[in-house]
Amino acid sequence: MQVIKTFTELMGLNLPSSDKANLMTHLTEVTDGDLNELEKSWDEIGITLILFDESDTNQDLHDMDEQAKYLIDFVTVHPEYVLLIGSMVIALGVLNDQGSGCYLAGHSTSQLHPIQTLLAHVDS
């Protein structure tokens, strides 16, 4: 599981190239593909991406710190949207009026409880 809190960490994501390309395309939609604008908003507003790896288990979730558990629970219960992008599911939860948010993403084949819950809410 990767918890990404900075733009630098986002750019260094450990993902297969096609998954990373799909994810970055989705994340830059709001900035019309402009990585500089994405970096500015990521760092100024406060955005987090929790990326579930294929090897993660529900026990790994149980062992996470309380802040990460809170974010996962919040996005799972209150997603703004849930989409399938390539082989992954992604959801966004907006945390406050300033636009801070958390994305959850993982492979749609994952048996993790949050991923299974989000798959039931995929927007058509």
Protein backbone atom coordinates (compact mmCIF):
# COMPACT_ATOMS: atom_id res chain seq x y z
CA MET A 1 0.00 0.00 0.00
CA GLN A 2 1.32 3.40 -0.92
CA VAL A 3 0.19 6.60 0.81
CA ILE A 4 1.08 9.50 -1.46
CA LYS A 5 0.94 12.97 0.08
CA THR A 6 3.22 15.02 -2.18
CA PHE A 7 3.43 15.62 -5.90
CA THR A 8 6.99 14.29 -5.88
CA GLU A 9 5.77 11.01 -4.39
CA LEU A 10 2.98 10.92 -6.97
CA MET A 11 5.45 11.21 -9.82
CA GLY A 12 7.53 8.38 -8.36
CA LEU A 13 4.64 5.92 -8.01
CA ASN A 14 5.59 2.29 -8.32
CA LEU A 15 3.00 1.08 -10.84
CA PRO A 16 3.03 -0.68 -14.21
CA SER A 17 3.37 1.97 -16.90
CA SER A 18 -0.14 1.53 -18.34
CA ASP A 19 -1.76 1.81 -14.88
CA LYS A 20 0.35 4.86 -14.04
CA ALA A 21 -0.53 6.50 -17.36
CA ASN A 22 -4.27 5.89 -16.80
CA LEU A 23 -4.06 7.20 -13.25
CA MET A 24 -2.11 10.33 -14.22
CA THR A 25 -4.48 11.03 -17.12
CA HIS A 26 -7.40 10.87 -14.70
CA LEU A 27 -5.72 13.03 -12.05
CA THR A 28 -4.75 15.71 -14.60
CA GLU A 29 -8.25 15.96 -16.12
CA VAL A 30 -9.10 18.72 -13.65
CA THR A 31 -6.07 20.74 -14.84
CA ASP A 32 -6.59 20.02 -18.56
CA GLY A 33 -3.51 17.81 -18.55
CA ASP A 34 -1.24 20.48 -17.04
CA LEU A 35 1.19 18.76 -14.62
CA ASN A 36 2.38 22.12 -13.24
CA GLU A 37 -1.16 23.02 -12.22
CA LEU A 38 -1.66 19.55 -10.75
CA GLU A 39 1.53 19.96 -8.71
CA LYS A 40 0.40 23.36 -7.46
CA SER A 41 -3.04 22.14 -6.40
CA TRP A 42 -1.70 18.86 -4.97
CA ASP A 43 0.75 20.61 -2.67
CA GLU A 44 -1.32 23.71 -1.81
CA ILE A 45 -4.75 22.19 -1.26
CA GLY A 46 -3.62 19.00 0.42
CA ILE A 47 -4.44 15.90 -1.59
CA THR A 48 -3.65 12.32 -0.63
CA LEU A 49 -3.69 9.20 -2.78
CA ILE A 50 -3.91 5.83 -1.09
CA LEU A 51 -2.96 3.23 -3.64
CA PHE A 52 -3.67 -0.36 -2.73
CA ASP A 53 -1.13 -2.81 -4.09
CA GLU A 54 -2.20 -6.19 -5.44
CA SER A 55 -0.40 -7.92 -2.57
CA ASP A 56 -2.22 -5.97 0.18
CA THR A 57 -4.51 -7.88 2.53
CA ASN A 58 -7.31 -6.85 4.84
CA GLN A 59 -4.88 -7.50 7.71
CA ASP A 60 -2.57 -4.85 6.22
CA LEU A 61 -5.47 -2.39 6.45
CA HIS A 62 -6.01 -3.30 10.09
CA ASP A 63 -2.32 -2.58 10.82
CA MET A 64 -2.36 0.93 9.27
CA ASP A 65 -2.10 4.12 11.28
CA GLU A 66 -5.33 5.76 12.43
CA GLN A 67 -5.12 8.69 9.99
CA ALA A 68 -4.91 6.37 6.97
CA LYS A 69 -7.76 4.24 8.34
CA TYR A 70 -9.88 7.37 8.76
CA LEU A 71 -9.23 8.47 5.18
CA ILE A 72 -10.02 5.02 3.78
CA ASP A 73 -13.24 4.83 5.79
CA PHE A 74 -14.27 8.37 4.80
CA VAL A 75 -13.77 7.85 1.07
CA THR A 76 -15.40 4.42 1.17
CA VAL A 77 -18.51 5.81 2.89
CA HIS A 78 -18.66 9.28 1.27
CA PRO A 79 -17.18 9.11 -2.25
CA GLU A 80 -17.80 12.04 -4.57
CA TYR A 81 -17.43 9.56 -7.41
CA VAL A 82 -16.19 6.04 -8.12
CA LEU A 83 -14.83 5.17 -11.57
CA LEU A 84 -13.14 2.32 -13.37
CA ILE A 85 -10.04 3.49 -15.21
CA GLY A 86 -8.33 0.69 -17.06
CA SER A 87 -7.90 -2.20 -14.63
CA MET A 88 -8.25 0.03 -11.59
CA VAL A 89 -11.02 1.53 -9.52
CA ILE A 90 -10.59 5.08 -8.20
CA ALA A 91 -12.70 7.07 -5.79
CA LEU A 92 -12.45 10.62 -4.48
CA GLY A 93 -13.57 11.88 -1.11
CA VAL A 94 -13.61 15.66 -0.51
CA LEU A 95 -12.54 16.35 3.05
CA ASN A 96 -13.34 20.06 3.48
CA ASP A 97 -14.64 23.21 1.79
CA GLN A 98 -11.12 24.20 0.69
CA GLY A 99 -11.02 21.16 -1.61
CA SER A 100 -8.65 18.90 0.30
CA GLY A 101 -9.33 15.36 -0.66
CA CYS A 102 -8.27 11.79 -0.73
CA TYR A 103 -8.23 9.41 -3.65
CA LEU A 104 -8.42 5.67 -3.11
CA ALA A 105 -7.24 3.50 -5.97
CA GLY A 106 -6.55 -0.17 -6.50
CA HIS A 107 -6.94 -2.99 -8.97
CA SER A 108 -10.54 -3.97 -9.55
CA THR A 109 -9.63 -7.62 -8.96
CA SER A 110 -8.54 -6.88 -5.38
CA GLN A 111 -10.44 -8.62 -2.61
CA LEU A 112 -9.75 -5.79 -0.14
CA HIS A 113 -12.90 -4.67 1.64
CA PRO A 114 -12.63 -0.98 0.56
CA ILE A 115 -12.14 -1.92 -3.10
CA GLN A 116 -15.06 -4.34 -3.05
CA THR A 117 -17.24 -1.69 -1.41
CA LEU A 118 -16.25 0.93 -3.98
CA LEU A 119 -16.88 -1.42 -6.90
CA ALA A 120 -20.51 -1.63 -5.81
CA HIS A 121 -20.72 2.17 -6.31
CA VAL A 122 -19.00 2.58 -9.68
CA ASP A 123 -20.61 5.49 -11.54
CA SER A 124 -22.21 4.47 -14.82
